[in-house]
N, C-alpha and C. Protein backbone atom coordinates (compact mmCIF):
# COMPACT_ATOMS: atom_id res chain seq x y z
N MET A 1 2.04 30.81 -22.57
CA MET A 1 1.03 29.84 -22.18
C MET A 1 1.23 28.48 -22.84
N SER A 2 2.33 28.32 -23.50
CA SER A 2 2.57 27.05 -24.17
C SER A 2 3.42 26.11 -23.30
N GLU A 3 3.30 26.26 -21.98
CA GLU A 3 4.04 25.38 -21.07
C GLU A 3 3.47 23.97 -21.16
N ASN A 4 4.35 23.00 -21.12
CA ASN A 4 3.94 21.60 -21.13
C ASN A 4 3.95 21.10 -19.69
N LYS A 5 3.04 21.62 -18.89
CA LYS A 5 3.01 21.36 -17.45
C LYS A 5 2.13 20.14 -17.16
N ASN A 6 2.60 19.28 -16.28
CA ASN A 6 1.85 18.10 -15.86
C ASN A 6 0.86 18.51 -14.78
N ASN A 7 -0.42 18.23 -14.98
CA ASN A 7 -1.45 18.65 -14.04
C ASN A 7 -1.91 17.54 -13.10
N PHE A 8 -1.16 16.46 -13.05
CA PHE A 8 -1.51 15.37 -12.13
C PHE A 8 -1.11 15.73 -10.71
N ALA A 9 -1.85 15.20 -9.75
CA ALA A 9 -1.56 15.50 -8.34
C ALA A 9 -0.27 14.83 -7.88
N PHE A 10 0.03 13.67 -8.45
CA PHE A 10 1.21 12.92 -8.04
C PHE A 10 2.07 12.61 -9.26
N GLY A 11 3.33 12.28 -8.99
CA GLY A 11 4.23 11.88 -10.06
C GLY A 11 4.16 10.39 -10.32
N LYS A 12 4.91 9.96 -11.33
CA LYS A 12 4.92 8.55 -11.72
C LYS A 12 5.41 7.66 -10.58
N GLU A 13 6.43 8.14 -9.86
CA GLU A 13 6.98 7.38 -8.73
C GLU A 13 5.93 7.20 -7.62
N ASN A 14 5.12 8.24 -7.37
CA ASN A 14 4.09 8.15 -6.34
C ASN A 14 3.07 7.06 -6.69
N TYR A 15 2.64 7.04 -7.94
CA TYR A 15 1.66 6.05 -8.35
C TYR A 15 2.24 4.64 -8.27
N LYS A 16 3.52 4.49 -8.58
CA LYS A 16 4.16 3.18 -8.48
C LYS A 16 4.13 2.70 -7.03
N TRP A 17 4.47 3.59 -6.08
CA TRP A 17 4.46 3.21 -4.66
C TRP A 17 3.04 2.95 -4.17
N MET A 18 2.06 3.68 -4.71
CA MET A 18 0.66 3.43 -4.32
C MET A 18 0.22 2.04 -4.75
N LEU A 19 0.60 1.63 -5.95
CA LEU A 19 0.25 0.28 -6.41
C LEU A 19 0.95 -0.79 -5.58
N ILE A 20 2.20 -0.55 -5.22
CA ILE A 20 2.92 -1.49 -4.36
C ILE A 20 2.21 -1.59 -3.01
N GLY A 21 1.80 -0.45 -2.44
CA GLY A 21 1.09 -0.45 -1.17
C GLY A 21 -0.23 -1.20 -1.24
N LEU A 22 -0.96 -1.01 -2.34
CA LEU A 22 -2.22 -1.75 -2.50
C LEU A 22 -1.97 -3.25 -2.61
N GLY A 23 -0.89 -3.63 -3.28
CA GLY A 23 -0.54 -5.04 -3.37
C GLY A 23 -0.21 -5.63 -2.01
N VAL A 24 0.51 -4.87 -1.19
CA VAL A 24 0.85 -5.35 0.16
C VAL A 24 -0.42 -5.45 1.01
N LEU A 25 -1.32 -4.48 0.88
CA LEU A 25 -2.59 -4.56 1.61
C LEU A 25 -3.38 -5.81 1.21
N LEU A 26 -3.46 -6.05 -0.08
CA LEU A 26 -4.17 -7.23 -0.57
C LEU A 26 -3.51 -8.51 -0.05
N LEU A 27 -2.18 -8.55 -0.05
CA LEU A 27 -1.46 -9.70 0.48
C LEU A 27 -1.80 -9.93 1.95
N GLY A 28 -1.89 -8.86 2.73
CA GLY A 28 -2.24 -8.98 4.14
C GLY A 28 -3.62 -9.59 4.35
N PHE A 29 -4.58 -9.14 3.53
CA PHE A 29 -5.93 -9.70 3.66
C PHE A 29 -5.97 -11.16 3.22
N ILE A 30 -5.19 -11.50 2.20
CA ILE A 30 -5.13 -12.90 1.76
C ILE A 30 -4.52 -13.77 2.85
N VAL A 31 -3.44 -13.29 3.49
CA VAL A 31 -2.80 -14.05 4.57
C VAL A 31 -3.79 -14.26 5.71
N MET A 32 -4.57 -13.23 6.04
CA MET A 32 -5.55 -13.37 7.12
C MET A 32 -6.63 -14.38 6.75
N SER A 33 -6.99 -14.47 5.47
CA SER A 33 -8.04 -15.40 5.07
C SER A 33 -7.55 -16.84 5.04
N LEU A 34 -6.24 -17.07 5.05
CA LEU A 34 -5.69 -18.42 5.03
C LEU A 34 -5.73 -19.10 6.39
N GLU A 35 -6.11 -18.37 7.41
CA GLU A 35 -6.14 -18.92 8.78
C GLU A 35 -7.10 -20.10 8.86
N SER A 36 -6.64 -21.20 9.45
CA SER A 36 -7.47 -22.41 9.56
C SER A 36 -8.24 -22.46 10.88
N ASN A 37 -7.82 -21.71 11.89
CA ASN A 37 -8.54 -21.70 13.16
C ASN A 37 -9.86 -20.93 13.02
N PRO A 38 -10.86 -21.29 13.83
CA PRO A 38 -12.14 -20.59 13.73
C PRO A 38 -12.02 -19.10 14.07
N GLN A 39 -12.74 -18.27 13.32
CA GLN A 39 -12.76 -16.82 13.47
C GLN A 39 -11.36 -16.20 13.36
N GLY A 40 -10.43 -16.85 12.71
CA GLY A 40 -9.10 -16.31 12.49
C GLY A 40 -8.32 -16.04 13.76
N GLN A 41 -8.44 -16.92 14.75
CA GLN A 41 -7.81 -16.69 16.04
C GLN A 41 -6.39 -17.26 16.14
N GLY A 42 -5.76 -17.61 15.03
CA GLY A 42 -4.41 -18.15 15.06
C GLY A 42 -3.37 -17.09 14.73
N PHE A 43 -2.15 -17.55 14.44
CA PHE A 43 -1.03 -16.66 14.17
C PHE A 43 -1.25 -15.82 12.92
N LEU A 44 -1.74 -16.45 11.84
CA LEU A 44 -1.91 -15.72 10.59
C LEU A 44 -2.97 -14.63 10.71
N GLY A 45 -4.08 -14.95 11.35
CA GLY A 45 -5.19 -14.00 11.43
C GLY A 45 -5.02 -12.92 12.48
N MET A 46 -4.27 -13.21 13.52
CA MET A 46 -4.15 -12.25 14.63
C MET A 46 -2.81 -11.52 14.67
N THR A 47 -1.78 -12.04 14.01
CA THR A 47 -0.46 -11.42 14.12
C THR A 47 0.11 -11.05 12.75
N LEU A 48 0.36 -12.02 11.91
CA LEU A 48 1.06 -11.78 10.66
C LEU A 48 0.24 -10.93 9.68
N GLY A 49 -1.02 -11.27 9.49
CA GLY A 49 -1.87 -10.51 8.57
C GLY A 49 -1.98 -9.03 8.93
N PRO A 50 -2.31 -8.70 10.17
CA PRO A 50 -2.38 -7.28 10.54
C PRO A 50 -1.05 -6.55 10.41
N ILE A 51 0.08 -7.22 10.66
CA ILE A 51 1.38 -6.57 10.50
C ILE A 51 1.62 -6.24 9.02
N ILE A 52 1.26 -7.15 8.14
CA ILE A 52 1.42 -6.91 6.70
C ILE A 52 0.50 -5.77 6.26
N ILE A 53 -0.73 -5.74 6.77
CA ILE A 53 -1.66 -4.66 6.42
C ILE A 53 -1.14 -3.32 6.92
N LEU A 54 -0.60 -3.28 8.12
CA LEU A 54 -0.01 -2.04 8.64
C LEU A 54 1.15 -1.58 7.77
N ALA A 55 1.97 -2.52 7.30
CA ALA A 55 3.07 -2.16 6.40
C ALA A 55 2.52 -1.57 5.10
N GLY A 56 1.41 -2.12 4.61
CA GLY A 56 0.79 -1.58 3.40
C GLY A 56 0.31 -0.16 3.59
N PHE A 57 -0.29 0.14 4.75
CA PHE A 57 -0.73 1.50 5.02
C PHE A 57 0.45 2.46 5.17
N ILE A 58 1.55 1.99 5.72
CA ILE A 58 2.74 2.84 5.84
C ILE A 58 3.29 3.15 4.45
N ILE A 59 3.29 2.17 3.56
CA ILE A 59 3.74 2.40 2.18
C ILE A 59 2.82 3.41 1.50
N GLU A 60 1.51 3.29 1.70
CA GLU A 60 0.56 4.24 1.11
C GLU A 60 0.81 5.66 1.64
N PHE A 61 1.06 5.78 2.94
CA PHE A 61 1.36 7.08 3.54
C PHE A 61 2.61 7.68 2.90
N PHE A 62 3.64 6.85 2.75
CA PHE A 62 4.88 7.29 2.10
C PHE A 62 4.62 7.74 0.67
N ALA A 63 3.80 6.98 -0.07
CA ALA A 63 3.52 7.29 -1.46
C ALA A 63 2.79 8.62 -1.61
N ILE A 64 1.90 8.92 -0.69
CA ILE A 64 1.13 10.15 -0.78
C ILE A 64 1.99 11.37 -0.45
N PHE A 65 2.85 11.26 0.55
CA PHE A 65 3.62 12.41 1.00
C PHE A 65 4.99 12.55 0.33
N LYS A 66 5.37 11.60 -0.52
CA LYS A 66 6.66 11.70 -1.21
C LYS A 66 6.60 12.83 -2.23
N LYS A 67 7.60 13.67 -2.24
CA LYS A 67 7.67 14.79 -3.20
C LYS A 67 8.03 14.24 -4.57
N ALA A 68 7.32 14.69 -5.58
CA ALA A 68 7.62 14.29 -6.96
C ALA A 68 8.84 15.07 -7.45
N LYS A 69 9.68 14.41 -8.22
CA LYS A 69 10.85 15.07 -8.78
C LYS A 69 10.41 15.96 -9.95
N ASN A 70 10.99 17.12 -10.04
CA ASN A 70 10.70 18.02 -11.16
C ASN A 70 11.63 17.70 -12.32
N ASP A 71 11.10 16.95 -13.29
CA ASP A 71 11.94 16.56 -14.44
C ASP A 71 12.01 17.67 -15.45
């Protein structure tokens, strides 16, 4: 019973990718808020921002389902 087993749900690499994904999501929302057209109807609010946010969610999905290495 003296095993030094890690009881965390994810590994260190998973948490690193989760933080990167959150940063990308935040960047997407910031890009959308920079839109100068009313109600965000320009390129930044309607095209670039949502693409960046989608990339952030894909990174989060990858981070959750990535297998942790058994060190």
